[in-house]
């Protein structure tokens, strides 16, 4: 006689087939076009020799990651914004939990701990800024297997190719 608390296989929720979550796909650093392929070859952001190693194209959908020469220079602005937001968040958290005063060194303790946190998180922030920047230019395509990839005016490999005269 089965127990009423027994869970049958048919009772379990089925995984949803459909559009992967935008924010989760960005957070786990998946390709913006298919949201399935990894953007970095090394999963560990703190393996500093391989922190920024990326495949040229998404292994799932073939989307090139570097859309043009110098494309990643814009990630400096994203990284700066993320670092600023993180610093504001830690300042507010410090103020609400410990407090800030000009009478003692609490503000300077926050500055020091915030600097250490930013240095520790820098590899992850650099990666995440690349992900956010690419998500700005490449949109999700549910029919990625049948449609073309997102490109700019010319491909990066064309820039380095010598022109025939």
N, C-alpha and C. Protein backbone atom coordinates (compact mmCIF):
# COMPACT_ATOMS: atom_id res chain seq x y z
N UNK A 1 0.84 -1.17 0.00
CA UNK A 1 0.00 0.00 0.00
C UNK A 1 0.89 1.24 0.00
N UNK A 2 0.79 2.10 -1.03
CA UNK A 2 1.64 3.28 -1.10
C UNK A 2 1.28 4.30 -0.04
N UNK A 3 2.29 4.93 0.46
CA UNK A 3 2.13 5.99 1.45
C UNK A 3 1.62 7.26 0.76
N UNK A 4 0.78 8.05 1.42
CA UNK A 4 0.25 9.27 0.84
C UNK A 4 1.35 10.31 0.60
N UNK A 5 2.46 10.18 1.31
CA UNK A 5 3.53 11.14 1.17
C UNK A 5 4.51 10.76 0.06
N UNK A 6 4.32 9.64 -0.59
CA UNK A 6 5.20 9.20 -1.66
C UNK A 6 4.98 10.07 -2.90
N UNK A 7 6.08 10.52 -3.46
CA UNK A 7 5.99 11.35 -4.67
C UNK A 7 6.22 10.46 -5.87
N UNK A 8 5.29 10.49 -6.77
CA UNK A 8 5.39 9.74 -8.00
C UNK A 8 6.16 10.56 -9.03
N UNK A 9 6.75 9.88 -10.01
CA UNK A 9 7.53 10.56 -11.04
C UNK A 9 6.66 11.54 -11.82
N UNK A 10 5.41 11.21 -12.05
CA UNK A 10 4.52 12.09 -12.81
C UNK A 10 4.12 13.34 -12.03
N UNK A 11 4.29 13.31 -10.69
CA UNK A 11 3.92 14.45 -9.86
C UNK A 11 4.97 15.56 -9.88
N UNK A 12 6.20 15.24 -10.27
CA UNK A 12 7.26 16.23 -10.27
C UNK A 12 7.05 17.24 -11.40
N UNK A 13 7.40 18.51 -11.16
CA UNK A 13 7.24 19.51 -12.22
C UNK A 13 8.21 19.23 -13.36
N UNK A 14 7.76 19.44 -14.55
CA UNK A 14 8.57 19.23 -15.75
C UNK A 14 9.40 20.49 -16.01
N UNK A 15 10.64 20.34 -16.45
CA UNK A 15 11.41 21.53 -16.81
C UNK A 15 10.74 22.24 -17.97
N UNK A 16 10.71 23.56 -17.90
CA UNK A 16 10.04 24.32 -18.94
C UNK A 16 10.95 24.47 -20.15
N UNK A 17 10.40 24.14 -21.29
CA UNK A 17 11.10 24.38 -22.54
C UNK A 17 10.67 25.76 -22.99
N UNK A 18 11.60 26.58 -23.30
CA UNK A 18 11.25 27.92 -23.74
C UNK A 18 12.40 28.87 -23.53
N UNK A 19 12.06 30.11 -23.37
CA UNK A 19 13.05 31.17 -23.26
C UNK A 19 13.77 31.10 -21.92
N UNK A 20 15.09 30.93 -21.93
CA UNK A 20 15.85 30.94 -20.67
C UNK A 20 15.77 32.33 -20.03
N UNK A 21 15.83 32.36 -18.72
CA UNK A 21 15.73 33.62 -17.99
C UNK A 21 16.87 34.56 -18.34
N UNK A 22 16.54 35.81 -18.64
CA UNK A 22 17.51 36.82 -19.06
C UNK A 22 18.58 37.06 -17.99
N UNK A 23 18.15 37.36 -16.77
CA UNK A 23 19.10 37.71 -15.72
C UNK A 23 19.94 36.51 -15.28
N UNK A 24 19.33 35.34 -15.19
CA UNK A 24 20.08 34.15 -14.80
C UNK A 24 21.10 33.78 -15.87
N UNK A 25 20.73 33.88 -17.13
CA UNK A 25 21.67 33.59 -18.22
C UNK A 25 22.83 34.56 -18.19
N UNK A 26 22.55 35.82 -17.87
CA UNK A 26 23.62 36.81 -17.78
C UNK A 26 24.51 36.51 -16.57
N UNK A 27 23.91 36.17 -15.46
CA UNK A 27 24.66 35.91 -14.23
C UNK A 27 25.57 34.70 -14.37
N UNK A 28 25.11 33.65 -15.04
CA UNK A 28 25.96 32.46 -15.22
C UNK A 28 26.79 32.54 -16.50
N UNK A 29 26.75 33.71 -17.14
CA UNK A 29 27.62 34.05 -18.27
C UNK A 29 27.44 33.13 -19.47
N UNK A 30 26.21 33.10 -19.95
CA UNK A 30 25.89 32.33 -21.14
C UNK A 30 25.76 33.26 -22.34
N UNK A 31 25.86 32.72 -23.53
CA UNK A 31 25.75 33.48 -24.77
C UNK A 31 24.42 34.23 -24.82
N UNK A 32 24.42 35.50 -25.21
CA UNK A 32 23.15 36.25 -25.23
C UNK A 32 22.19 35.80 -26.34
N UNK A 33 22.69 35.22 -27.40
CA UNK A 33 21.84 34.84 -28.52
C UNK A 33 21.06 33.56 -28.25
N UNK A 34 21.72 32.53 -27.71
CA UNK A 34 21.04 31.26 -27.45
C UNK A 34 20.81 31.03 -25.96
N UNK A 35 21.57 31.73 -25.12
CA UNK A 35 21.53 31.60 -23.66
C UNK A 35 21.84 30.18 -23.20
N UNK A 36 22.63 29.47 -23.98
CA UNK A 36 23.01 28.09 -23.63
C UNK A 36 24.53 27.90 -23.63
N UNK A 37 25.21 28.45 -24.62
CA UNK A 37 26.65 28.26 -24.74
C UNK A 37 27.43 29.11 -23.75
N UNK A 38 28.52 28.58 -23.20
CA UNK A 38 29.33 29.35 -22.25
C UNK A 38 30.12 30.46 -22.97
N UNK A 39 30.28 31.59 -22.31
CA UNK A 39 31.04 32.69 -22.91
C UNK A 39 32.53 32.59 -22.60
N UNK A 40 32.90 31.83 -21.59
CA UNK A 40 34.31 31.73 -21.21
C UNK A 40 34.72 30.27 -21.19
N UNK A 41 35.97 30.01 -21.57
CA UNK A 41 36.45 28.63 -21.62
C UNK A 41 36.70 28.08 -20.22
N UNK A 42 37.10 28.93 -19.30
CA UNK A 42 37.37 28.52 -17.91
C UNK A 42 36.21 29.00 -17.04
N UNK A 43 35.61 28.08 -16.30
CA UNK A 43 34.48 28.46 -15.44
C UNK A 43 34.91 29.27 -14.23
N UNK A 44 36.11 29.04 -13.74
CA UNK A 44 36.60 29.71 -12.54
C UNK A 44 37.19 31.07 -12.92
N UNK A 45 36.57 32.14 -12.45
CA UNK A 45 37.05 33.49 -12.77
C UNK A 45 38.35 33.82 -12.07
N UNK A 46 38.70 33.11 -11.01
CA UNK A 46 39.90 33.42 -10.25
C UNK A 46 41.12 32.60 -10.69
N UNK A 47 40.98 31.85 -11.77
CA UNK A 47 42.14 31.24 -12.41
C UNK A 47 42.73 32.33 -13.30
N UNK A 48 43.62 33.13 -12.75
CA UNK A 48 44.01 34.40 -13.36
C UNK A 48 44.70 34.27 -14.71
N UNK A 49 45.31 33.14 -14.99
CA UNK A 49 45.93 32.97 -16.30
C UNK A 49 44.89 32.79 -17.40
N UNK A 50 43.71 32.32 -17.03
CA UNK A 50 42.68 32.04 -18.02
C UNK A 50 41.39 32.82 -17.77
N UNK A 51 41.47 33.88 -16.98
CA UNK A 51 40.26 34.62 -16.60
C UNK A 51 39.48 35.13 -17.80
N UNK A 52 40.17 35.70 -18.78
CA UNK A 52 39.47 36.33 -19.90
C UNK A 52 39.48 35.48 -21.17
N UNK A 53 39.87 34.22 -21.08
CA UNK A 53 39.88 33.35 -22.25
C UNK A 53 38.45 33.07 -22.70
N UNK A 54 38.18 33.40 -23.96
CA UNK A 54 36.86 33.18 -24.54
C UNK A 54 37.01 32.45 -25.86
N UNK A 55 36.06 31.59 -26.19
CA UNK A 55 36.09 31.04 -27.54
C UNK A 55 35.74 32.14 -28.54
N UNK A 56 36.16 31.98 -29.78
CA UNK A 56 35.84 32.99 -30.79
C UNK A 56 34.34 33.07 -31.04
N UNK A 57 33.69 31.90 -31.01
CA UNK A 57 32.25 31.84 -31.27
C UNK A 57 31.59 30.96 -30.22
N UNK A 58 30.31 31.16 -30.04
CA UNK A 58 29.53 30.32 -29.13
C UNK A 58 29.51 28.89 -29.66
N UNK A 59 29.82 27.91 -28.83
CA UNK A 59 29.81 26.53 -29.29
C UNK A 59 28.40 26.03 -29.62
N UNK A 60 27.38 26.66 -29.10
CA UNK A 60 26.00 26.23 -29.33
C UNK A 60 25.41 26.85 -30.60
N UNK A 61 25.53 28.17 -30.76
CA UNK A 61 24.83 28.84 -31.87
C UNK A 61 25.76 29.48 -32.89
N UNK A 62 27.05 29.54 -32.62
CA UNK A 62 28.00 30.10 -33.57
C UNK A 62 28.10 31.62 -33.54
N UNK A 63 27.49 32.28 -32.57
CA UNK A 63 27.56 33.74 -32.47
C UNK A 63 28.99 34.17 -32.15
N UNK A 64 29.59 35.02 -33.02
CA UNK A 64 30.93 35.53 -32.67
C UNK A 64 30.84 36.45 -31.45
N UNK A 65 31.80 36.33 -30.55
CA UNK A 65 31.77 37.14 -29.35
C UNK A 65 32.41 38.51 -29.56
N UNK A 66 33.49 38.58 -30.33
CA UNK A 66 34.10 39.87 -30.62
C UNK A 66 33.49 40.38 -31.92
N UNK A 67 32.58 41.34 -31.82
CA UNK A 67 31.82 41.78 -32.98
C UNK A 67 32.63 42.65 -33.92
N UNK A 68 33.63 43.33 -33.43
CA UNK A 68 34.53 44.11 -34.27
C UNK A 68 35.84 44.33 -33.52
N UNK A 69 36.83 44.84 -34.22
CA UNK A 69 38.13 45.09 -33.61
C UNK A 69 37.95 46.14 -32.51
N UNK A 70 38.52 45.87 -31.35
CA UNK A 70 38.42 46.81 -30.23
C UNK A 70 37.06 46.81 -29.55
N UNK A 71 36.25 45.81 -29.82
CA UNK A 71 34.88 45.77 -29.28
C UNK A 71 34.87 45.82 -27.76
N UNK A 72 35.83 45.16 -27.13
CA UNK A 72 35.81 45.04 -25.67
C UNK A 72 36.25 46.30 -24.93
N UNK A 73 36.71 47.33 -25.64
CA UNK A 73 37.11 48.57 -24.95
C UNK A 73 35.93 49.19 -24.20
N UNK A 74 34.74 49.03 -24.70
CA UNK A 74 33.56 49.59 -24.05
C UNK A 74 33.23 48.96 -22.72
N UNK A 75 33.80 47.79 -22.45
CA UNK A 75 33.51 47.13 -21.17
C UNK A 75 34.12 47.86 -20.00
N UNK A 76 35.07 48.74 -20.25
CA UNK A 76 35.64 49.55 -19.17
C UNK A 76 34.59 50.42 -18.51
N UNK A 77 33.67 50.96 -19.31
CA UNK A 77 32.60 51.78 -18.77
C UNK A 77 31.63 50.94 -17.94
N UNK A 78 31.33 49.74 -18.43
CA UNK A 78 30.43 48.84 -17.70
C UNK A 78 31.08 48.43 -16.38
N UNK A 79 32.36 48.08 -16.42
CA UNK A 79 33.08 47.66 -15.22
C UNK A 79 33.13 48.80 -14.20
N UNK A 80 33.37 50.02 -14.67
CA UNK A 80 33.40 51.18 -13.78
C UNK A 80 32.03 51.36 -13.12
N UNK A 81 30.96 51.26 -13.91
CA UNK A 81 29.61 51.40 -13.36
C UNK A 81 29.29 50.32 -12.34
N UNK A 82 29.67 49.09 -12.63
CA UNK A 82 29.42 48.00 -11.68
C UNK A 82 30.20 48.20 -10.38
N UNK A 83 31.45 48.64 -10.51
CA UNK A 83 32.26 48.90 -9.31
C UNK A 83 31.68 50.04 -8.49
N UNK A 84 31.20 51.08 -9.17
CA UNK A 84 30.58 52.21 -8.48
C UNK A 84 29.31 51.75 -7.74
N UNK A 85 28.46 50.98 -8.42
CA UNK A 85 27.23 50.50 -7.78
C UNK A 85 27.53 49.59 -6.59
N UNK A 86 28.53 48.74 -6.73
CA UNK A 86 28.93 47.87 -5.62
C UNK A 86 29.43 48.71 -4.44
N UNK A 87 30.21 49.75 -4.73
CA UNK A 87 30.71 50.62 -3.67
C UNK A 87 29.58 51.36 -2.97
N UNK A 88 28.61 51.84 -3.73
CA UNK A 88 27.44 52.52 -3.13
C UNK A 88 26.67 51.54 -2.26
N UNK A 89 26.48 50.32 -2.75
CA UNK A 89 25.77 49.30 -1.97
C UNK A 89 26.49 48.99 -0.66
N UNK A 90 27.81 48.82 -0.73
CA UNK A 90 28.55 48.51 0.50
C UNK A 90 28.56 49.69 1.45
N UNK A 91 28.59 50.92 0.92
CA UNK A 91 28.53 52.11 1.77
C UNK A 91 27.20 52.18 2.51
N UNK A 92 26.11 51.92 1.80
CA UNK A 92 24.79 51.93 2.44
C UNK A 92 24.68 50.82 3.47
N UNK A 93 25.17 49.62 3.13
CA UNK A 93 25.13 48.49 4.08
C UNK A 93 25.98 48.81 5.31
N UNK A 94 27.14 49.40 5.12
CA UNK A 94 28.02 49.77 6.23
C UNK A 94 27.34 50.82 7.11
N UNK A 95 26.73 51.81 6.47
CA UNK A 95 26.06 52.89 7.19
C UNK A 95 24.90 52.37 8.03
N UNK A 96 24.12 51.41 7.45
CA UNK A 96 22.98 50.86 8.18
C UNK A 96 23.38 49.90 9.29
N UNK A 97 24.48 49.19 9.13
CA UNK A 97 24.87 48.21 10.15
C UNK A 97 25.86 48.76 11.17
N UNK A 98 26.86 49.48 10.71
CA UNK A 98 27.92 49.96 11.61
C UNK A 98 27.79 51.46 11.87
N UNK A 99 27.42 52.18 10.85
CA UNK A 99 27.32 53.63 10.97
C UNK A 99 28.55 54.32 10.44
N UNK A 100 28.38 55.59 10.08
CA UNK A 100 29.50 56.38 9.57
C UNK A 100 29.59 57.63 10.42
N UNK A 101 30.79 57.93 10.84
CA UNK A 101 30.99 59.08 11.70
C UNK A 101 32.30 59.76 11.34
N UNK A 102 32.31 61.08 11.53
CA UNK A 102 33.56 61.81 11.34
C UNK A 102 34.38 61.85 12.63
N UNK A 103 33.78 61.34 13.71
CA UNK A 103 34.44 61.37 15.02
C UNK A 103 35.48 60.25 15.17
N UNK A 104 35.32 59.17 14.40
CA UNK A 104 36.27 58.06 14.49
C UNK A 104 36.63 57.59 13.08
N UNK A 105 37.23 56.43 12.97
CA UNK A 105 37.75 55.96 11.69
C UNK A 105 36.83 54.99 10.96
N UNK A 106 35.56 54.96 11.30
CA UNK A 106 34.67 53.99 10.66
C UNK A 106 34.59 54.17 9.13
N UNK A 107 34.59 55.40 8.68
CA UNK A 107 34.54 55.66 7.23
C UNK A 107 35.78 55.10 6.54
N UNK A 108 36.93 55.28 7.16
CA UNK A 108 38.18 54.78 6.57
C UNK A 108 38.25 53.26 6.60
N UNK A 109 37.65 52.65 7.63
CA UNK A 109 37.55 51.18 7.65
C UNK A 109 36.67 50.71 6.49
N UNK A 110 35.59 51.43 6.21
CA UNK A 110 34.75 51.06 5.05
C UNK A 110 35.54 51.20 3.77
N UNK A 111 36.28 52.30 3.62
CA UNK A 111 37.06 52.50 2.40
C UNK A 111 38.06 51.37 2.20
N UNK A 112 38.75 50.96 3.26
CA UNK A 112 39.71 49.87 3.16
C UNK A 112 39.06 48.54 2.83
N UNK A 113 37.96 48.23 3.53
CA UNK A 113 37.29 46.95 3.26
C UNK A 113 36.65 46.95 1.88
N UNK A 114 36.16 48.09 1.43
CA UNK A 114 35.58 48.18 0.08
C UNK A 114 36.66 48.00 -0.97
N UNK A 115 37.83 48.58 -0.75
CA UNK A 115 38.94 48.41 -1.70
C UNK A 115 39.37 46.95 -1.79
N UNK A 116 39.46 46.27 -0.66
CA UNK A 116 39.82 44.85 -0.65
C UNK A 116 38.75 44.04 -1.39
N UNK A 117 37.48 44.35 -1.15
CA UNK A 117 36.39 43.64 -1.83
C UNK A 117 36.46 43.85 -3.34
N UNK A 118 36.70 45.09 -3.77
CA UNK A 118 36.78 45.37 -5.21
C UNK A 118 37.97 44.66 -5.86
N UNK A 119 39.09 44.61 -5.17
CA UNK A 119 40.25 43.89 -5.72
C UNK A 119 39.95 42.40 -5.82
N UNK A 120 39.31 41.85 -4.79
CA UNK A 120 38.98 40.43 -4.80
C UNK A 120 37.97 40.10 -5.92
N UNK A 121 36.98 40.96 -6.13
CA UNK A 121 35.94 40.69 -7.12
C UNK A 121 36.32 41.13 -8.54
N UNK A 122 37.48 41.76 -8.72
CA UNK A 122 37.84 42.30 -10.02
C UNK A 122 37.81 41.27 -11.16
N UNK A 123 38.34 40.06 -11.00
CA UNK A 123 38.25 39.10 -12.12
C UNK A 123 36.80 38.82 -12.51
N UNK A 124 35.93 38.64 -11.53
CA UNK A 124 34.52 38.37 -11.84
C UNK A 124 33.86 39.60 -12.45
N UNK A 125 34.17 40.79 -11.95
CA UNK A 125 33.60 42.02 -12.50
C UNK A 125 34.04 42.26 -13.94
N UNK A 126 35.29 41.94 -14.26
CA UNK A 126 35.76 42.10 -15.65
C UNK A 126 35.00 41.16 -16.58
N UNK A 127 34.80 39.94 -16.15
CA UNK A 127 34.03 38.99 -16.96
C UNK A 127 32.58 39.42 -17.10
N UNK A 128 31.99 39.80 -15.99
CA UNK A 128 30.57 40.17 -16.00
C UNK A 128 30.35 41.42 -16.85
N UNK A 129 31.31 42.34 -16.87
CA UNK A 129 31.16 43.52 -17.70
C UNK A 129 31.18 43.15 -19.18
N UNK A 130 31.96 42.14 -19.55
CA UNK A 130 31.93 41.67 -20.94
C UNK A 130 30.58 41.06 -21.28
N UNK A 131 30.04 40.30 -20.35
CA UNK A 131 28.74 39.68 -20.58
C UNK A 131 27.67 40.76 -20.76
N UNK A 132 27.63 41.72 -19.86
CA UNK A 132 26.62 42.78 -19.94
C UNK A 132 26.77 43.56 -21.24
N UNK A 133 28.00 43.87 -21.61
CA UNK A 133 28.25 44.64 -22.83
C UNK A 133 27.79 43.88 -24.06
N UNK A 134 28.06 42.59 -24.13
CA UNK A 134 27.62 41.80 -25.27
C UNK A 134 26.10 41.66 -25.29
N UNK A 135 25.47 41.57 -24.12
CA UNK A 135 24.01 41.48 -24.04
C UNK A 135 23.36 42.76 -24.55
N UNK A 136 24.06 43.89 -24.52
CA UNK A 136 23.50 45.14 -25.06
C UNK A 136 23.37 45.05 -26.57
N UNK A 137 24.32 44.42 -27.23
CA UNK A 137 24.36 44.41 -28.69
C UNK A 137 23.73 43.17 -29.33
N UNK A 138 23.71 42.06 -28.63
CA UNK A 138 23.19 40.81 -29.19
C UNK A 138 21.93 40.42 -28.41
N UNK A 139 20.84 40.27 -29.12
CA UNK A 139 19.56 39.94 -28.49
C UNK A 139 19.29 38.44 -28.58
N UNK A 140 18.44 37.97 -27.69
CA UNK A 140 18.05 36.55 -27.67
C UNK A 140 17.29 36.21 -28.94
N UNK A 141 17.59 35.07 -29.52
CA UNK A 141 16.92 34.60 -30.73
C UNK A 141 16.42 33.18 -30.50
N UNK A 142 15.11 33.01 -30.31
CA UNK A 142 14.60 31.66 -30.07
C UNK A 142 14.81 30.73 -31.26
N UNK A 143 14.98 31.29 -32.46
CA UNK A 143 15.22 30.48 -33.67
C UNK A 143 16.68 30.56 -34.09
N UNK A 144 17.58 30.53 -33.11
CA UNK A 144 18.99 30.72 -33.41
C UNK A 144 19.57 29.65 -34.32
N UNK A 145 18.95 28.46 -34.36
CA UNK A 145 19.47 27.40 -35.21
C UNK A 145 19.17 27.65 -36.69
N UNK A 146 18.16 28.46 -36.97
CA UNK A 146 17.76 28.72 -38.35
C UNK A 146 18.11 30.12 -38.84
N UNK A 147 18.50 31.03 -37.97
CA UNK A 147 18.76 32.41 -38.39
C UNK A 147 20.25 32.73 -38.31
N UNK A 148 20.62 33.84 -38.91
CA UNK A 148 22.02 34.26 -38.94
C UNK A 148 22.45 34.91 -37.64
N UNK A 149 23.75 35.00 -37.48
CA UNK A 149 24.33 35.58 -36.26
C UNK A 149 24.32 37.11 -36.36
N UNK A 150 24.44 37.76 -35.21
CA UNK A 150 24.53 39.22 -35.16
C UNK A 150 25.96 39.63 -35.48
N UNK A 151 26.10 40.57 -36.42
CA UNK A 151 27.43 41.08 -36.77
C UNK A 151 27.36 42.60 -36.90
N UNK A 152 28.52 43.22 -36.95
CA UNK A 152 28.61 44.64 -37.25
C UNK A 152 28.99 44.80 -38.72
N UNK A 153 29.51 45.95 -39.10
CA UNK A 153 29.82 46.23 -40.51
C UNK A 153 30.81 45.25 -41.12
N UNK A 154 31.80 44.85 -40.36
CA UNK A 154 32.78 43.90 -40.87
C UNK A 154 33.21 43.00 -39.72
N UNK A 155 33.66 41.83 -40.08
CA UNK A 155 34.09 40.87 -39.07
C UNK A 155 35.52 41.18 -38.63
N UNK A 156 35.86 40.79 -37.42
CA UNK A 156 37.19 41.05 -36.88
C UNK A 156 38.26 40.40 -37.74
N UNK A 157 38.02 39.18 -38.20
CA UNK A 157 39.04 38.51 -39.01
C UNK A 157 39.27 39.22 -40.34
N UNK A 158 38.26 39.93 -40.87
CA UNK A 158 38.43 40.70 -42.10
C UNK A 158 39.36 41.90 -41.90
N UNK A 159 39.39 42.43 -40.72
CA UNK A 159 40.22 43.59 -40.43
C UNK A 159 41.69 43.25 -40.55
N UNK A 160 42.06 42.06 -40.15
CA UNK A 160 43.46 41.66 -40.15
C UNK A 160 43.90 41.04 -41.48
N UNK A 161 42.96 40.75 -42.36
CA UNK A 161 43.28 40.15 -43.64
C UNK A 161 43.86 41.23 -44.57
N UNK A 162 44.95 40.91 -45.28
CA UNK A 162 45.54 41.87 -46.21
C UNK A 162 44.63 42.06 -47.41
N UNK A 163 44.50 43.28 -47.82
CA UNK A 163 43.65 43.60 -48.97
C UNK A 163 44.43 43.33 -50.27
N UNK A 164 43.76 42.66 -51.23
CA UNK A 164 44.39 42.42 -52.54
C UNK A 164 44.28 43.68 -53.38
N UNK A 165 45.33 43.98 -54.11
CA UNK A 165 45.33 45.19 -54.95
C UNK A 165 45.18 44.85 -56.39
